[in-house]
Amino acid sequence: MIISGDLVEQAVDAIVNAANNELQLGGGVAGAIAGPAVQDECDLHGPVLVGEAAITSGGKLRAHYVIHAASMALGGRTTRSALKSSMDHAFRLAFQNHIASVAVPAVGTGIAGFPLDECARVMGECLSSALRDGWAATEVRFVLFGEDAKTPFEAAFWPAFSQGSEPRDPNSV
C-alpha cells in the first residue's frame, strides 16, 4: 500500500524510522517520535554501523515498535548501498520479531538527500527480497509526505510486484 500521510499516526505493529548510525533522534520523522524512553532504548543499541538497523519499543506511538534503519552516518548522506543494507536489515528484524504490519517512510530522502525515485526502486527490491525469504507480512504501508511522492513509488513497485502481468485499466471492471 502506498499512501500519503503521517507515519507516526499509523496503526501498525511497527514503523520504520530513517535513522543515523548513532541512533540519535533529531529532526523530521525521528523528531516526531523522540521521547525519553525511545531515545534511551536507542542509546542502548547504538551506535550501529551504517547499513544496519535496530528495534525499540514504540514509546507513546500507536505502533508497538520502531525499527531504526541507519541509512546514513550522523550528519551524512544516504547512499544506495547503505539504504539497501539498512532496509534489508529492517525487514529482517520485522520478520525475526514476528511483526506482521509495518509502515515505512521514504528513508533517506529528507535531510540525507537521497533521490526519491531511486529510494522507491531500492524499497521495492528490499521488500520483494524479504517476502521471498519468508517474511509473511500482512501489510506493508509506504507512508509518504505528499501526493507527489506516490508517483515514483507506484512506478517502482509495479514492475517489482506485477509478476509480468499487464497494468490493469482503472476504468475497466
Protein backbone atom coordinates (compact mmCIF):
# COMPACT_ATOMS: atom_id res chain seq x y z
CA MET A 1 0.00 0.00 0.00
CA ILE A 2 1.36 3.41 -0.96
CA ILE A 3 -0.29 6.36 0.76
CA SER A 4 0.45 9.92 1.73
CA GLY A 5 0.03 10.65 5.40
CA ASP A 6 1.59 10.91 8.83
CA LEU A 7 3.87 7.98 9.59
CA VAL A 8 3.61 8.31 13.38
CA GLU A 9 -0.19 8.10 13.25
CA GLN A 10 -0.23 4.68 11.56
CA ALA A 11 -1.92 1.86 13.49
CA VAL A 12 0.57 -0.89 12.63
CA ASP A 13 2.84 -3.25 14.57
CA ALA A 14 5.93 -1.19 13.71
CA ILE A 15 7.07 1.93 11.92
CA VAL A 16 10.45 2.35 10.29
CA ASN A 17 12.46 5.40 11.26
CA ALA A 18 15.06 6.86 8.90
CA ALA A 19 17.97 6.86 11.32
CA ASN A 20 21.60 7.83 11.57
CA ASN A 21 24.12 5.27 12.77
CA GLU A 22 24.40 6.95 16.17
CA LEU A 23 20.63 6.34 16.63
CA GLN A 24 20.27 9.92 17.79
CA LEU A 25 16.70 11.07 17.27
CA GLY A 26 16.56 14.60 15.96
CA GLY A 27 14.50 16.27 13.27
CA GLY A 28 11.99 15.01 10.74
CA VAL A 29 10.17 11.76 11.50
CA ALA A 30 12.78 10.92 14.12
CA GLY A 31 11.99 14.13 15.97
CA ALA A 32 8.30 13.33 15.94
CA ILE A 33 8.91 10.00 17.70
CA ALA A 34 11.60 11.29 20.04
CA GLY A 35 10.86 10.69 23.62
CA PRO A 36 13.00 9.79 26.57
CA ALA A 37 12.05 6.10 26.53
CA VAL A 38 12.70 5.58 22.82
CA GLN A 39 15.94 7.59 22.90
CA ASP A 40 17.10 5.63 25.97
CA GLU A 41 16.50 2.38 24.07
CA CYS A 42 18.37 3.79 21.06
CA ASP A 43 21.28 4.65 23.34
CA LEU A 44 21.43 1.02 24.49
CA HIS A 45 21.59 -0.20 20.86
CA GLY A 46 23.75 2.49 19.31
CA PRO A 47 25.87 3.29 17.65
CA VAL A 48 25.33 0.78 14.87
CA LEU A 49 27.07 0.50 11.54
CA VAL A 50 25.69 2.44 8.59
CA GLY A 51 23.51 -0.07 6.78
CA GLU A 52 22.26 -1.77 9.93
CA ALA A 53 19.00 -1.39 11.83
CA ALA A 54 17.87 -1.61 15.45
CA ILE A 55 14.48 -2.17 17.02
CA THR A 56 12.99 -0.39 20.04
CA SER A 57 9.58 -0.10 21.62
CA GLY A 58 7.14 2.34 20.09
CA GLY A 59 7.10 4.54 23.18
CA LYS A 60 3.91 6.59 23.09
CA LEU A 61 3.17 5.80 19.44
CA ARG A 62 0.25 3.71 18.21
CA ALA A 63 2.86 1.30 16.78
CA HIS A 64 4.33 -1.21 19.22
CA TYR A 65 7.84 -0.99 17.75
CA VAL A 66 10.13 1.38 15.91
CA ILE A 67 12.71 -0.12 13.56
CA HIS A 68 15.53 2.37 13.12
CA ALA A 69 17.12 1.93 9.66
CA ALA A 70 20.56 3.55 9.77
CA SER A 71 20.98 4.59 6.15
CA MET A 72 23.49 7.36 6.93
CA ALA A 73 26.16 8.47 9.36
CA LEU A 74 25.21 11.26 11.73
CA GLY A 75 25.29 14.42 9.58
CA GLY A 76 25.98 12.40 6.43
CA ARG A 77 24.21 11.42 3.23
CA THR A 78 22.42 8.22 2.26
CA THR A 79 23.88 6.02 -0.48
CA ARG A 80 22.15 3.30 -2.44
CA SER A 81 24.15 0.54 -0.76
CA ALA A 82 23.54 1.95 2.75
CA LEU A 83 19.81 2.29 2.07
CA LYS A 84 19.55 -1.23 0.66
CA SER A 85 21.50 -2.75 3.53
CA SER A 86 19.59 -0.87 6.24
CA MET A 87 16.19 -1.73 4.73
CA ASP A 88 17.14 -5.38 4.21
CA HIS A 89 18.11 -5.42 7.90
CA ALA A 90 14.93 -3.57 8.94
CA PHE A 91 12.69 -6.08 7.13
CA ARG A 92 14.76 -8.95 8.57
CA LEU A 93 14.17 -7.54 12.08
CA ALA A 94 10.45 -7.33 11.33
CA PHE A 95 10.49 -11.00 10.29
CA GLN A 96 12.54 -12.11 13.32
CA ASN A 97 10.25 -10.22 15.71
CA HIS A 98 7.02 -11.55 14.16
CA ILE A 99 5.94 -8.11 13.01
CA ALA A 100 3.09 -8.52 10.56
CA SER A 101 2.26 -4.90 9.69
CA VAL A 102 4.73 -2.10 9.15
CA ALA A 103 4.67 1.49 7.95
CA VAL A 104 7.72 2.74 6.08
CA PRO A 105 8.70 6.29 5.05
CA ALA A 106 10.89 7.22 2.09
CA VAL A 107 14.05 6.51 4.10
CA GLY A 108 17.00 8.75 3.28
CA THR A 109 15.13 11.24 1.10
CA GLY A 110 14.87 14.02 3.66
CA ILE A 111 17.93 15.52 5.29
CA ALA A 112 20.10 12.68 3.94
CA GLY A 113 19.44 13.83 0.35
CA PHE A 114 18.74 10.52 -1.41
CA PRO A 115 16.65 10.80 -4.63
CA LEU A 116 13.02 9.77 -4.16
CA ASP A 117 12.77 7.73 -7.38
CA GLU A 118 15.88 5.70 -6.52
CA CYS A 119 14.62 5.22 -2.95
CA ALA A 120 11.41 3.78 -4.37
CA ARG A 121 13.34 1.28 -6.51
CA VAL A 122 15.51 0.20 -3.56
CA MET A 123 12.45 -0.18 -1.30
CA GLY A 124 10.74 -2.36 -3.90
CA GLU A 125 13.82 -4.57 -4.20
CA CYS A 126 14.19 -4.92 -0.43
CA LEU A 127 10.53 -5.72 0.16
CA SER A 128 10.46 -8.24 -2.67
CA SER A 129 13.54 -9.95 -1.24
CA ALA A 130 12.12 -10.03 2.31
CA LEU A 131 8.89 -11.61 1.11
CA ARG A 132 10.81 -14.19 -0.97
CA ASP A 133 12.87 -15.00 2.13
CA GLY A 134 9.74 -15.93 4.06
CA TRP A 135 8.53 -12.80 5.83
CA ALA A 136 4.74 -13.20 5.84
CA ALA A 137 3.78 -9.57 6.31
CA THR A 138 0.05 -8.89 6.32
CA GLU A 139 0.53 -5.23 5.40
CA VAL A 140 3.41 -3.02 4.36
CA ARG A 141 2.39 0.62 4.09
CA PHE A 142 4.71 3.08 2.40
CA VAL A 143 3.66 6.34 4.03
CA LEU A 144 4.91 9.29 2.04
CA PHE A 145 4.91 13.02 2.51
CA GLY A 146 2.51 14.41 -0.09
CA GLU A 147 0.68 13.02 -3.09
CA ASP A 148 3.57 13.86 -5.47
CA ALA A 149 5.81 11.34 -3.70
CA LYS A 150 3.44 8.49 -4.53
CA THR A 151 4.12 8.53 -8.29
CA PRO A 152 7.76 7.33 -8.16
CA PHE A 153 6.83 4.62 -5.64
CA GLU A 154 3.92 3.39 -7.74
CA ALA A 155 6.17 3.36 -10.82
CA ALA A 156 8.87 1.39 -8.99
CA PHE A 157 6.53 -1.07 -7.31
CA TRP A 158 4.54 -2.03 -10.38
CA PRO A 159 7.44 -3.91 -12.06
CA ALA A 160 8.63 -5.38 -8.74
CA PHE A 161 5.25 -6.86 -7.82
CA SER A 162 3.27 -7.27 -11.07
CA GLN A 163 4.79 -10.71 -11.85
CA GLY A 164 4.74 -9.98 -15.56
CA SER A 165 1.08 -9.05 -15.82
CA GLU A 166 -0.02 -6.03 -17.79
CA PRO A 167 -1.25 -2.94 -15.96
CA ARG A 168 -5.00 -3.01 -15.43
CA ASP A 169 -7.11 -0.28 -16.93
CA PRO A 170 -8.55 1.54 -13.90
CA ASN A 171 -11.72 2.24 -15.92
CA SER A 172 -12.39 -1.42 -16.67
CA VAL A 173 -14.49 -3.70 -14.48
